[in-house]
Amino acid sequence: MQVTGINIINMKESMVRAGKSIWKSFPLIFGTILLISLISVLIPRSFYMTVFSKNIFTDSIMGSLVGSVSAGNPITSYIFGGELFAQGVSLLAVTSFLVAWVTVGLIQLPAESAILGKRFALLRNITAFVLAIVAAIVTVLILGEV
């Protein structure tokens, strides 16, 4: 394989763009880590155990409900989900939380309704909520964690 001057320029440009992207996301990731640290100190572990009961149906629904209300992006959801899992929350609840966090958006529902239409926005969010539960159950069944 021969490397040409154009390929090197494209590679350098790509590296600069990737570096800028990482630099821009650093405050978000750092802020999320600080917020999770604060939450983990303020909320006792017993709270998670009362909310998530290790029941396949209630855990998936509760995880999806919490994720639906807490809008976020994928990068921060992985960090937050890992911390929940470390606190003893079941994989089922964490998975449904992560999927709902990224796909269901109750906070942005008014804006989505205004732009895409009320019916479409409601149907999309309801479908995403149900599929978050289904995806969590299927994932945990595949991994044999139940």
C-alpha atoms as a PDB file:
ATOM      1  CA  MET A   1       0.000   0.000   0.000  1.00  0.00           C
ATOM      2  CA  GLN A   2       1.428   3.312  -1.051  1.00  0.00           C
ATOM      3  CA  VAL A   3       0.836   6.385   1.114  1.00  0.00           C
ATOM      4  CA  THR A   4       0.386   9.559  -0.845  1.00  0.00           C
ATOM      5  CA  GLY A   5       0.596  13.166   0.253  1.00  0.00           C
ATOM      6  CA  ILE A   6      -3.179  13.499   0.022  1.00  0.00           C
ATOM      7  CA  ASN A   7      -3.723  10.546   2.400  1.00  0.00           C
ATOM      8  CA  ILE A   8      -1.320  12.038   4.946  1.00  0.00           C
ATOM      9  CA  ILE A   9      -3.095  15.402   4.774  1.00  0.00           C
ATOM     10  CA  ASN A  10      -6.475  13.716   5.234  1.00  0.00           C
ATOM     11  CA  MET A  11      -5.120  11.707   8.157  1.00  0.00           C
ATOM     12  CA  LYS A  12      -3.709  14.830   9.838  1.00  0.00           C
ATOM     13  CA  GLU A  13      -7.004  16.646   9.311  1.00  0.00           C
ATOM     14  CA  SER A  14      -8.906  13.721  10.796  1.00  0.00           C
ATOM     15  CA  MET A  15      -6.616  13.605  13.817  1.00  0.00           C
ATOM     16  CA  VAL A  16      -7.076  17.344  14.422  1.00  0.00           C
ATOM     17  CA  ARG A  17     -10.867  16.988  14.183  1.00  0.00           C
ATOM     18  CA  ALA A  18     -10.869  14.009  16.547  1.00  0.00           C
ATOM     19  CA  GLY A  19      -8.704  15.896  19.030  1.00  0.00           C
ATOM     20  CA  LYS A  20     -11.032  18.906  18.925  1.00  0.00           C
ATOM     21  CA  SER A  21     -14.036  16.646  19.427  1.00  0.00           C
ATOM     22  CA  ILE A  22     -12.464  14.986  22.460  1.00  0.00           C
ATOM     23  CA  TRP A  23     -11.478  18.382  23.859  1.00  0.00           C
ATOM     24  CA  LYS A  24     -15.052  19.679  23.445  1.00  0.00           C
ATOM     25  CA  SER A  25     -16.545  16.627  25.193  1.00  0.00           C
ATOM     26  CA  PHE A  26     -14.111  16.752  28.127  1.00  0.00           C
ATOM     27  CA  PRO A  27     -16.125  19.275  30.210  1.00  0.00           C
ATOM     28  CA  LEU A  28     -19.273  17.190  29.765  1.00  0.00           C
ATOM     29  CA  ILE A  29     -17.570  13.977  30.840  1.00  0.00           C
ATOM     30  CA  PHE A  30     -15.775  15.689  33.732  1.00  0.00           C
ATOM     31  CA  GLY A  31     -19.012  17.318  34.920  1.00  0.00           C
ATOM     32  CA  THR A  32     -20.816  13.993  34.740  1.00  0.00           C
ATOM     33  CA  ILE A  33     -18.154  12.280  36.806  1.00  0.00           C
ATOM     34  CA  LEU A  34     -18.380  15.048  39.418  1.00  0.00           C
ATOM     35  CA  LEU A  35     -22.172  14.831  39.487  1.00  0.00           C
ATOM     36  CA  ILE A  36     -22.101  11.048  39.843  1.00  0.00           C
ATOM     37  CA  SER A  37     -19.596  11.342  42.664  1.00  0.00           C
ATOM     38  CA  LEU A  38     -21.889  13.771  44.446  1.00  0.00           C
ATOM     39  CA  ILE A  39     -24.941  11.602  43.913  1.00  0.00           C
ATOM     40  CA  SER A  40     -23.155   8.465  45.082  1.00  0.00           C
ATOM     41  CA  VAL A  41     -22.256  10.217  48.338  1.00  0.00           C
ATOM     42  CA  LEU A  42     -25.679  11.777  48.920  1.00  0.00           C
ATOM     43  CA  ILE A  43     -27.877   8.810  47.981  1.00  0.00           C
ATOM     44  CA  PRO A  44     -27.308   5.739  50.154  1.00  0.00           C
ATOM     45  CA  ARG A  45     -26.957   2.320  48.576  1.00  0.00           C
ATOM     46  CA  SER A  46     -30.099   1.149  50.394  1.00  0.00           C
ATOM     47  CA  PHE A  47     -32.123   3.580  48.251  1.00  0.00           C
ATOM     48  CA  TYR A  48     -31.162   1.752  45.067  1.00  0.00           C
ATOM     49  CA  MET A  49     -32.047  -1.561  46.642  1.00  0.00           C
ATOM     50  CA  THR A  50     -35.548  -0.338  47.537  1.00  0.00           C
ATOM     51  CA  VAL A  51     -36.226   1.145  44.087  1.00  0.00           C
ATOM     52  CA  PHE A  52     -34.804  -1.805  42.167  1.00  0.00           C
ATOM     53  CA  SER A  53     -36.075  -5.085  43.589  1.00  0.00           C
ATOM     54  CA  LYS A  54     -34.289  -7.566  41.252  1.00  0.00           C
ATOM     55  CA  ASN A  55     -37.684  -8.380  39.683  1.00  0.00           C
ATOM     56  CA  ILE A  56     -37.515  -8.735  35.895  1.00  0.00           C
ATOM     57  CA  PHE A  57     -40.634  -6.650  35.235  1.00  0.00           C
ATOM     58  CA  THR A  58     -40.453  -3.951  37.893  1.00  0.00           C
ATOM     59  CA  ASP A  59     -36.731  -3.363  37.384  1.00  0.00           C
ATOM     60  CA  SER A  60     -37.118  -2.933  33.641  1.00  0.00           C
ATOM     61  CA  ILE A  61     -40.079  -0.582  34.038  1.00  0.00           C
ATOM     62  CA  MET A  62     -38.430   1.471  36.799  1.00  0.00           C
ATOM     63  CA  GLY A  63     -35.180   1.701  34.819  1.00  0.00           C
ATOM     64  CA  SER A  64     -37.082   2.874  31.759  1.00  0.00           C
ATOM     65  CA  LEU A  65     -39.106   5.385  33.776  1.00  0.00           C
ATOM     66  CA  VAL A  66     -36.024   6.895  35.374  1.00  0.00           C
ATOM     67  CA  GLY A  67     -34.198   6.948  32.030  1.00  0.00           C
ATOM     68  CA  SER A  68     -37.173   8.561  30.287  1.00  0.00           C
ATOM     69  CA  VAL A  69     -37.308  11.452  32.729  1.00  0.00           C
ATOM     70  CA  SER A  70     -33.518  11.873  32.817  1.00  0.00           C
ATOM     71  CA  ALA A  71     -32.568  12.919  29.328  1.00  0.00           C
ATOM     72  CA  GLY A  72     -28.962  12.404  28.394  1.00  0.00           C
ATOM     73  CA  ASN A  73     -26.506  11.411  25.748  1.00  0.00           C
ATOM     74  CA  PRO A  74     -24.761   8.074  25.186  1.00  0.00           C
ATOM     75  CA  ILE A  75     -21.337   9.108  26.489  1.00  0.00           C
ATOM     76  CA  THR A  76     -22.605  10.153  29.898  1.00  0.00           C
ATOM     77  CA  SER A  77     -25.097   7.304  30.111  1.00  0.00           C
ATOM     78  CA  TYR A  78     -22.306   4.715  30.063  1.00  0.00           C
ATOM     79  CA  ILE A  79     -20.595   6.378  33.003  1.00  0.00           C
ATOM     80  CA  PHE A  80     -23.830   6.753  34.943  1.00  0.00           C
ATOM     81  CA  GLY A  81     -24.932   3.188  34.122  1.00  0.00           C
ATOM     82  CA  GLY A  82     -21.582   1.811  35.273  1.00  0.00           C
ATOM     83  CA  GLU A  83     -21.943   3.604  38.582  1.00  0.00           C
ATOM     84  CA  LEU A  84     -25.475   2.260  39.058  1.00  0.00           C
ATOM     85  CA  PHE A  85     -24.220  -1.245  38.319  1.00  0.00           C
ATOM     86  CA  ALA A  86     -21.380  -0.769  40.816  1.00  0.00           C
ATOM     87  CA  GLN A  87     -23.964   0.230  43.445  1.00  0.00           C
ATOM     88  CA  GLY A  88     -25.649  -3.154  43.043  1.00  0.00           C
ATOM     89  CA  VAL A  89     -28.445  -2.235  40.637  1.00  0.00           C
ATOM     90  CA  SER A  90     -29.341  -5.169  38.390  1.00  0.00           C
ATOM     91  CA  LEU A  91     -28.091  -5.372  34.817  1.00  0.00           C
ATOM     92  CA  LEU A  92     -31.720  -5.402  33.681  1.00  0.00           C
ATOM     93  CA  ALA A  93     -32.492  -2.067  35.346  1.00  0.00           C
ATOM     94  CA  VAL A  94     -29.265  -0.495  34.123  1.00  0.00           C
ATOM     95  CA  THR A  95     -29.839  -1.670  30.548  1.00  0.00           C
ATOM     96  CA  SER A  96     -33.417  -0.380  30.432  1.00  0.00           C
ATOM     97  CA  PHE A  97     -32.234   2.880  31.996  1.00  0.00           C
ATOM     98  CA  LEU A  98     -29.489   3.324  29.383  1.00  0.00           C
ATOM     99  CA  VAL A  99     -31.738   2.600  26.419  1.00  0.00           C
ATOM    100  CA  ALA A 100     -34.526   4.868  27.693  1.00  0.00           C
ATOM    101  CA  TRP A 101     -32.053   7.613  28.663  1.00  0.00           C
ATOM    102  CA  VAL A 102     -30.886   7.890  25.064  1.00  0.00           C
ATOM    103  CA  THR A 103     -34.081   7.121  23.125  1.00  0.00           C
ATOM    104  CA  VAL A 104     -36.985   8.478  25.193  1.00  0.00           C
ATOM    105  CA  GLY A 105     -37.110  12.199  25.758  1.00  0.00           C
ATOM    106  CA  LEU A 106     -39.884  13.465  27.993  1.00  0.00           C
ATOM    107  CA  ILE A 107     -37.971  16.648  28.710  1.00  0.00           C
ATOM    108  CA  GLN A 108     -37.641  17.540  25.043  1.00  0.00           C
ATOM    109  CA  LEU A 109     -41.134  16.276  24.127  1.00  0.00           C
ATOM    110  CA  PRO A 110     -42.643  19.782  23.710  1.00  0.00           C
ATOM    111  CA  ALA A 111     -39.914  20.840  21.279  1.00  0.00           C
ATOM    112  CA  GLU A 112     -40.121  17.543  19.415  1.00  0.00           C
ATOM    113  CA  SER A 113     -43.915  17.879  19.189  1.00  0.00           C
ATOM    114  CA  ALA A 114     -43.629  21.383  17.793  1.00  0.00           C
ATOM    115  CA  ILE A 115     -41.105  20.382  15.142  1.00  0.00           C
ATOM    116  CA  LEU A 116     -42.252  16.882  14.160  1.00  0.00           C
ATOM    117  CA  GLY A 117     -45.893  16.893  15.211  1.00  0.00           C
ATOM    118  CA  LYS A 118     -47.595  15.843  18.421  1.00  0.00           C
ATOM    119  CA  ARG A 119     -48.796  12.434  17.219  1.00  0.00           C
ATOM    120  CA  PHE A 120     -45.413  11.420  15.827  1.00  0.00           C
ATOM    121  CA  ALA A 121     -43.544  12.600  18.929  1.00  0.00           C
ATOM    122  CA  LEU A 122     -45.873  10.710  21.290  1.00  0.00           C
ATOM    123  CA  LEU A 123     -45.794   7.516  19.221  1.00  0.00           C
ATOM    124  CA  ARG A 124     -42.010   7.647  18.949  1.00  0.00           C
ATOM    125  CA  ASN A 125     -41.548   8.123  22.694  1.00  0.00           C
ATOM    126  CA  ILE A 126     -44.060   5.414  23.647  1.00  0.00           C
ATOM    127  CA  THR A 127     -42.470   2.988  21.185  1.00  0.00           C
ATOM    128  CA  ALA A 128     -38.980   3.815  22.461  1.00  0.00           C
ATOM    129  CA  PHE A 129     -40.128   3.298  26.069  1.00  0.00           C
ATOM    130  CA  VAL A 130     -41.610  -0.132  25.322  1.00  0.00           C
ATOM    131  CA  LEU A 131     -38.599  -1.158  23.243  1.00  0.00           C
ATOM    132  CA  ALA A 132     -36.246  -0.080  26.044  1.00  0.00           C
ATOM    133  CA  ILE A 133     -37.963  -2.619  28.305  1.00  0.00           C
ATOM    134  CA  VAL A 134     -37.901  -5.310  25.623  1.00  0.00           C
ATOM    135  CA  ALA A 135     -34.234  -4.643  24.775  1.00  0.00           C
ATOM    136  CA  ALA A 136     -33.261  -4.862  28.445  1.00  0.00           C
ATOM    137  CA  ILE A 137     -35.063  -8.163  28.960  1.00  0.00           C
ATOM    138  CA  VAL A 138     -33.654  -9.682  25.763  1.00  0.00           C
ATOM    139  CA  THR A 139     -30.130  -8.484  26.587  1.00  0.00           C
ATOM    140  CA  VAL A 140     -30.204  -9.956  30.076  1.00  0.00           C
ATOM    141  CA  LEU A 141     -31.714 -13.229  28.828  1.00  0.00           C
ATOM    142  CA  ILE A 142     -28.996 -13.531  26.161  1.00  0.00           C
ATOM    143  CA  LEU A 143     -26.280 -12.886  28.734  1.00  0.00           C
ATOM    144  CA  GLY A 144     -27.909 -15.365  31.136  1.00  0.00           C
ATOM    145  CA  GLU A 145     -27.994 -12.873  34.014  1.00  0.00           C
ATOM    146  CA  VAL A 146     -31.556 -13.750  35.120  1.00  0.00           C
END
